[in-house]
PDB file of N, CA and C in Angstrom:
ATOM      1  N   MET A   1      27.348   2.956 -18.010  1.00  0.00           N
ATOM      2  CA  MET A   1      26.597   3.648 -16.971  1.00  0.00           C
ATOM      3  C   MET A   1      27.096   3.104 -15.644  1.00  0.00           C
ATOM      4  N   GLY A   2      27.277   3.988 -14.702  1.00  0.00           N
ATOM      5  CA  GLY A   2      27.724   3.573 -13.389  1.00  0.00           C
ATOM      6  C   GLY A   2      26.643   2.801 -12.649  1.00  0.00           C
ATOM      7  N   LEU A   3      27.092   1.925 -11.801  1.00  0.00           N
ATOM      8  CA  LEU A   3      26.161   1.099 -11.035  1.00  0.00           C
ATOM      9  C   LEU A   3      25.245   1.958 -10.165  1.00  0.00           C
ATOM     10  N   LEU A   4      25.798   3.006  -9.582  1.00  0.00           N
ATOM     11  CA  LEU A   4      24.990   3.902  -8.753  1.00  0.00           C
ATOM     12  C   LEU A   4      23.911   4.602  -9.584  1.00  0.00           C
ATOM     13  N   ASP A   5      24.271   5.036 -10.793  1.00  0.00           N
ATOM     14  CA  ASP A   5      23.289   5.675 -11.677  1.00  0.00           C
ATOM     15  C   ASP A   5      22.178   4.700 -12.041  1.00  0.00           C
ATOM     16  N   LYS A   6      22.539   3.463 -12.340  1.00  0.00           N
ATOM     17  CA  LYS A   6      21.536   2.445 -12.667  1.00  0.00           C
ATOM     18  C   LYS A   6      20.582   2.254 -11.494  1.00  0.00           C
ATOM     19  N   PHE A   7      21.140   2.182 -10.305  1.00  0.00           N
ATOM     20  CA  PHE A   7      20.318   1.990  -9.105  1.00  0.00           C
ATOM     21  C   PHE A   7      19.373   3.170  -8.900  1.00  0.00           C
ATOM     22  N   LYS A   8      19.885   4.388  -9.036  1.00  0.00           N
ATOM     23  CA  LYS A   8      19.050   5.582  -8.861  1.00  0.00           C
ATOM     24  C   LYS A   8      17.915   5.621  -9.884  1.00  0.00           C
ATOM     25  N   ASN A   9      18.233   5.302 -11.128  1.00  0.00           N
ATOM     26  CA  ASN A   9      17.214   5.328 -12.179  1.00  0.00           C
ATOM     27  C   ASN A   9      16.152   4.266 -11.944  1.00  0.00           C
ATOM     28  N   LYS A  10      16.577   3.066 -11.558  1.00  0.00           N
ATOM     29  CA  LYS A  10      15.612   1.998 -11.289  1.00  0.00           C
ATOM     30  C   LYS A  10      14.766   2.342 -10.063  1.00  0.00           C
ATOM     31  N   SER A  11      15.381   2.970  -9.066  1.00  0.00           N
ATOM     32  CA  SER A  11      14.631   3.385  -7.877  1.00  0.00           C
ATOM     33  C   SER A  11      13.576   4.423  -8.233  1.00  0.00           C
ATOM     34  N   GLN A  12      13.948   5.391  -9.084  1.00  0.00           N
ATOM     35  CA  GLN A  12      12.997   6.413  -9.504  1.00  0.00           C
ATOM     36  C   GLN A  12      11.866   5.780 -10.305  1.00  0.00           C
ATOM     37  N   GLU A  13      12.207   4.813 -11.145  1.00  0.00           N
ATOM     38  CA  GLU A  13      11.176   4.142 -11.939  1.00  0.00           C
ATOM     39  C   GLU A  13      10.218   3.363 -11.033  1.00  0.00           C
ATOM     40  N   ALA A  14      10.769   2.662 -10.038  1.00  0.00           N
ATOM     41  CA  ALA A  14       9.932   1.896  -9.115  1.00  0.00           C
ATOM     42  C   ALA A  14       9.037   2.821  -8.286  1.00  0.00           C
ATOM     43  N   ALA A  15       9.594   3.932  -7.841  1.00  0.00           N
ATOM     44  CA  ALA A  15       8.798   4.894  -7.080  1.00  0.00           C
ATOM     45  C   ALA A  15       7.671   5.458  -7.941  1.00  0.00           C
ATOM     46  N   GLY A  16       7.960   5.697  -9.202  1.00  0.00           N
ATOM     47  CA  GLY A  16       6.945   6.189 -10.118  1.00  0.00           C
ATOM     48  C   GLY A  16       5.827   5.181 -10.312  1.00  0.00           C
ATOM     49  N   LYS A  17       6.194   3.913 -10.429  1.00  0.00           N
ATOM     50  CA  LYS A  17       5.179   2.864 -10.569  1.00  0.00           C
ATOM     51  C   LYS A  17       4.309   2.786  -9.322  1.00  0.00           C
ATOM     52  N   ALA A  18       4.939   2.930  -8.158  1.00  0.00           N
ATOM     53  CA  ALA A  18       4.189   2.890  -6.903  1.00  0.00           C
ATOM     54  C   ALA A  18       3.227   4.079  -6.811  1.00  0.00           C
ATOM     55  N   LYS A  19       3.704   5.267  -7.187  1.00  0.00           N
ATOM     56  CA  LYS A  19       2.837   6.449  -7.173  1.00  0.00           C
ATOM     57  C   LYS A  19       1.668   6.281  -8.134  1.00  0.00           C
ATOM     58  N   GLU A  20       1.976   5.755  -9.323  1.00  0.00           N
ATOM     59  CA  GLU A  20       0.916   5.558 -10.305  1.00  0.00           C
ATOM     60  C   GLU A  20      -0.143   4.597  -9.764  1.00  0.00           C
ATOM     61  N   ALA A  21       0.317   3.492  -9.170  1.00  0.00           N
ATOM     62  CA  ALA A  21      -0.614   2.506  -8.624  1.00  0.00           C
ATOM     63  C   ALA A  21      -1.418   3.080  -7.462  1.00  0.00           C
ATOM     64  N   ALA A  22      -0.765   3.841  -6.591  1.00  0.00           N
ATOM     65  CA  ALA A  22      -1.463   4.442  -5.457  1.00  0.00           C
ATOM     66  C   ALA A  22      -2.497   5.454  -5.936  1.00  0.00           C
ATOM     67  N   GLY A  23      -2.116   6.243  -6.924  1.00  0.00           N
ATOM     68  CA  GLY A  23      -3.049   7.212  -7.473  1.00  0.00           C
ATOM     69  C   GLY A  23      -4.230   6.537  -8.135  1.00  0.00           C
ATOM     70  N   ASP A  24      -3.968   5.440  -8.815  1.00  0.00           N
ATOM     71  CA  ASP A  24      -5.037   4.685  -9.468  1.00  0.00           C
ATOM     72  C   ASP A  24      -5.982   4.097  -8.427  1.00  0.00           C
ATOM     73  N   ALA A  25      -5.413   3.516  -7.380  1.00  0.00           N
ATOM     74  CA  ALA A  25      -6.233   2.894  -6.333  1.00  0.00           C
ATOM     75  C   ALA A  25      -7.068   3.926  -5.577  1.00  0.00           C
ATOM     76  N   ALA A  26      -6.507   5.099  -5.370  1.00  0.00           N
ATOM     77  CA  ALA A  26      -7.193   6.139  -4.604  1.00  0.00           C
ATOM     78  C   ALA A  26      -8.074   7.029  -5.483  1.00  0.00           C
ATOM     79  N   GLY A  27      -7.988   6.834  -6.788  1.00  0.00           N
ATOM     80  CA  GLY A  27      -8.739   7.706  -7.681  1.00  0.00           C
ATOM     81  C   GLY A  27      -8.140   9.093  -7.773  1.00  0.00           C
ATOM     82  N   ASN A  28      -6.844   9.203  -7.470  1.00  0.00           N
ATOM     83  CA  ASN A  28      -6.151  10.490  -7.481  1.00  0.00           C
ATOM     84  C   ASN A  28      -5.386  10.613  -8.806  1.00  0.00           C
ATOM     85  N   GLU A  29      -5.976  11.298  -9.758  1.00  0.00           N
ATOM     86  CA  GLU A  29      -5.375  11.421 -11.084  1.00  0.00           C
ATOM     87  C   GLU A  29      -4.058  12.193 -11.056  1.00  0.00           C
ATOM     88  N   GLU A  30      -3.947  13.152 -10.156  1.00  0.00           N
ATOM     89  CA  GLU A  30      -2.710  13.945 -10.056  1.00  0.00           C
ATOM     90  C   GLU A  30      -1.541  13.071  -9.612  1.00  0.00           C
ATOM     91  N   LEU A  31      -1.752  12.227  -8.600  1.00  0.00           N
ATOM     92  CA  LEU A  31      -0.703  11.329  -8.125  1.00  0.00           C
ATOM     93  C   LEU A  31      -0.359  10.303  -9.196  1.00  0.00           C
ATOM     94  N   GLN A  32      -1.369   9.816  -9.879  1.00  0.00           N
ATOM     95  CA  GLN A  32      -1.153   8.853 -10.953  1.00  0.00           C
ATOM     96  C   GLN A  32      -0.292   9.485 -12.054  1.00  0.00           C
ATOM     97  N   ALA A  33      -0.605  10.698 -12.440  1.00  0.00           N
ATOM     98  CA  ALA A  33       0.155  11.399 -13.475  1.00  0.00           C
ATOM     99  C   ALA A  33       1.590  11.673 -13.021  1.00  0.00           C
ATOM    100  N   GLU A  34       1.751  12.012 -11.749  1.00  0.00           N
ATOM    101  CA  GLU A  34       3.096  12.245 -11.215  1.00  0.00           C
ATOM    102  C   GLU A  34       3.928  10.967 -11.309  1.00  0.00           C
ATOM    103  N   GLY A  35       3.314   9.844 -11.018  1.00  0.00           N
ATOM    104  CA  GLY A  35       4.015   8.563 -11.126  1.00  0.00           C
ATOM    105  C   GLY A  35       4.431   8.258 -12.549  1.00  0.00           C
ATOM    106  N   ILE A  36       3.558   8.557 -13.478  1.00  0.00           N
ATOM    107  CA  ILE A  36       3.876   8.339 -14.896  1.00  0.00           C
ATOM    108  C   ILE A  36       5.030   9.243 -15.323  1.00  0.00           C
ATOM    109  N   ARG A  37       5.010  10.503 -14.851  1.00  0.00           N
ATOM    110  CA  ARG A  37       6.107  11.432 -15.171  1.00  0.00           C
ATOM    111  C   ARG A  37       7.427  10.942 -14.589  1.00  0.00           C
ATOM    112  N   ASP A  38       7.395  10.434 -13.352  1.00  0.00           N
ATOM    113  CA  ASP A  38       8.614   9.920 -12.733  1.00  0.00           C
ATOM    114  C   ASP A  38       9.189   8.752 -13.533  1.00  0.00           C
ATOM    115  N   GLN A  39       8.314   7.879 -13.988  1.00  0.00           N
ATOM    116  CA  GLN A  39       8.764   6.740 -14.783  1.00  0.00           C
ATOM    117  C   GLN A  39       9.391   7.198 -16.101  1.00  0.00           C
ATOM    118  N   ALA A  40       8.762   8.165 -16.745  1.00  0.00           N
ATOM    119  CA  ALA A  40       9.273   8.676 -18.015  1.00  0.00           C
ATOM    120  C   ALA A  40      10.642   9.338 -17.825  1.00  0.00           C
ATOM    121  N   ALA A  41      10.796  10.076 -16.729  1.00  0.00           N
ATOM    122  CA  ALA A  41      12.081  10.725 -16.451  1.00  0.00           C
ATOM    123  C   ALA A  41      13.170   9.683 -16.224  1.00  0.00           C
ATOM    124  N   ALA A  42      12.846   8.644 -15.487  1.00  0.00           N
ATOM    125  CA  ALA A  42      13.820   7.583 -15.224  1.00  0.00           C
ATOM    126  C   ALA A  42      14.216   6.880 -16.519  1.00  0.00           C
ATOM    127  N   GLU A  43      13.242   6.618 -17.383  1.00  0.00           N
ATOM    128  CA  GLU A  43      13.530   5.962 -18.654  1.00  0.00           C
ATOM    129  C   GLU A  43      14.396   6.847 -19.547  1.00  0.00           C
ATOM    130  N   ALA A  44      14.156   8.153 -19.527  1.00  0.00           N
ATOM    131  CA  ALA A  44      14.965   9.080 -20.315  1.00  0.00           C
ATOM    132  C   ALA A  44      16.410   9.099 -19.804  1.00  0.00           C
ATOM    133  N   LYS A  45      16.571   9.086 -18.495  1.00  0.00           N
ATOM    134  CA  LYS A  45      17.918   9.051 -17.919  1.00  0.00           C
ATOM    135  C   LYS A  45      18.623   7.763 -18.304  1.00  0.00           C
ATOM    136  N   GLN A  46      17.903   6.645 -18.270  1.00  0.00           N
ATOM    137  CA  GLN A  46      18.487   5.358 -18.631  1.00  0.00           C
ATOM    138  C   GLN A  46      18.934   5.363 -20.091  1.00  0.00           C
ATOM    139  N   ALA A  47      18.137   5.962 -20.959  1.00  0.00           N
ATOM    140  CA  ALA A  47      18.493   6.041 -22.371  1.00  0.00           C
ATOM    141  C   ALA A  47      19.742   6.907 -22.564  1.00  0.00           C
ATOM    142  N   GLY A  48      19.817   8.006 -21.847  1.00  0.00           N
ATOM    143  CA  GLY A  48      20.995   8.867 -21.929  1.00  0.00           C
ATOM    144  C   GLY A  48      22.249   8.166 -21.446  1.00  0.00           C
ATOM    145  N   GLU A  49      22.130   7.436 -20.364  1.00  0.00           N
ATOM    146  CA  GLU A  49      23.277   6.695 -19.837  1.00  0.00           C
ATOM    147  C   GLU A  49      23.693   5.582 -20.803  1.00  0.00           C
ATOM    148  N   ALA A  50      22.722   4.940 -21.445  1.00  0.00           N
ATOM    149  CA  ALA A  50      23.023   3.893 -22.420  1.00  0.00           C
ATOM    150  C   ALA A  50      23.778   4.478 -23.620  1.00  0.00           C
ATOM    151  N   ALA A  51      23.386   5.682 -24.035  1.00  0.00           N
ATOM    152  CA  ALA A  51      24.074   6.352 -25.138  1.00  0.00           C
ATOM    153  C   ALA A  51      25.517   6.681 -24.746  1.00  0.00           C
ATOM    154  N   LYS A  52      25.711   7.122 -23.508  1.00  0.00           N
ATOM    155  CA  LYS A  52      27.067   7.395 -23.029  1.00  0.00           C
ATOM    156  C   LYS A  52      27.903   6.120 -23.044  1.00  0.00           C
ATOM    157  N   ASP A  53      27.305   5.016 -22.598  1.00  0.00           N
ATOM    158  CA  ASP A  53      28.010   3.735 -22.595  1.00  0.00           C
ATOM    159  C   ASP A  53      28.394   3.320 -24.007  1.00  0.00           C
ATOM    160  N   ALA A  54      27.480   3.484 -24.958  1.00  0.00           N
ATOM    161  CA  ALA A  54      27.753   3.113 -26.342  1.00  0.00           C
ATOM    162  C   ALA A  54      28.885   3.964 -26.916  1.00  0.00           C
ATOM    163  N   ALA A  55      28.883   5.256 -26.599  1.00  0.00           N
ATOM    164  CA  ALA A  55      29.945   6.142 -27.083  1.00  0.00           C
ATOM    165  C   ALA A  55      31.289   5.744 -26.474  1.00  0.00           C
ATOM    166  N   LYS A  56      31.290   5.408 -25.205  1.00  0.00           N
ATOM    167  CA  LYS A  56      32.533   4.982 -24.558  1.00  0.00           C
ATOM    168  C   LYS A  56      33.038   3.687 -25.156  1.00  0.00           C
ATOM    169  N   ASP A  57      32.140   2.744 -25.420  1.00  0.00           N
ATOM    170  CA  ASP A  57      32.535   1.482 -26.037  1.00  0.00           C
ATOM    171  C   ASP A  57      33.116   1.719 -27.427  1.00  0.00           C
ATOM    172  N   ALA A  58      32.495   2.624 -28.175  1.00  0.00           N
ATOM    173  CA  ALA A  58      32.994   2.940 -29.523  1.00  0.00           C
ATOM    174  C   ALA A  58      34.385   3.557 -29.447  1.00  0.00           C
ATOM    175  N   ARG A  59      34.595   4.470 -28.510  1.00  0.00           N
ATOM    176  CA  ARG A  59      35.924   5.075 -28.335  1.00  0.00           C
ATOM    177  C   ARG A  59      36.945   4.025 -27.950  1.00  0.00           C
ATOM    178  N   ASP A  60      36.556   3.128 -27.034  1.00  0.00           N
ATOM    179  CA  ASP A  60      37.470   2.081 -26.585  1.00  0.00           C
ATOM    180  C   ASP A  60      37.856   1.151 -27.744  1.00  0.00           C
ATOM    181  N   ASN A  61      36.889   0.849 -28.598  1.00  0.00           N
ATOM    182  CA  ASN A  61      37.148  -0.052 -29.722  1.00  0.00           C
ATOM    183  C   ASN A  61      38.003   0.603 -30.805  1.00  0.00           C
ATOM    184  N   LEU A  62      37.943   1.916 -30.939  1.00  0.00           N
ATOM    185  CA  LEU A  62      38.777   2.614 -31.915  1.00  0.00           C
ATOM    186  C   LEU A  62      40.245   2.572 -31.519  1.00  0.00           C
ATOM    187  N   GLY A  63      40.498   2.489 -30.237  1.00  0.00           N
ATOM    188  CA  GLY A  63      41.861   2.468 -29.745  1.00  0.00           C
ATOM    189  C   GLY A  63      42.563   1.139 -29.924  1.00  0.00           C
ATOM    190  N   ARG A  64      41.836   0.138 -30.349  1.00  0.00           N
ATOM    191  CA  ARG A  64      42.443  -1.201 -30.514  1.00  0.00           C
ATOM    192  C   ARG A  64      43.126  -1.355 -31.823  1.00  0.00           C
TER     193      ARG A  64
END
């Protein structure tokens, strides 16, 4: 996974956590849910990037 992709995913996850916390503090269930969705999306992207990395490593190792 590229460093920029990792940064973007972690930023989205952090923003989601902040939204969730703000929604919780304000009693705003919609904002809280949006934060949870943002976190889930970031985690899904991270998993996809990890799978790409594993596939690339496997291809690289086959060439040896």
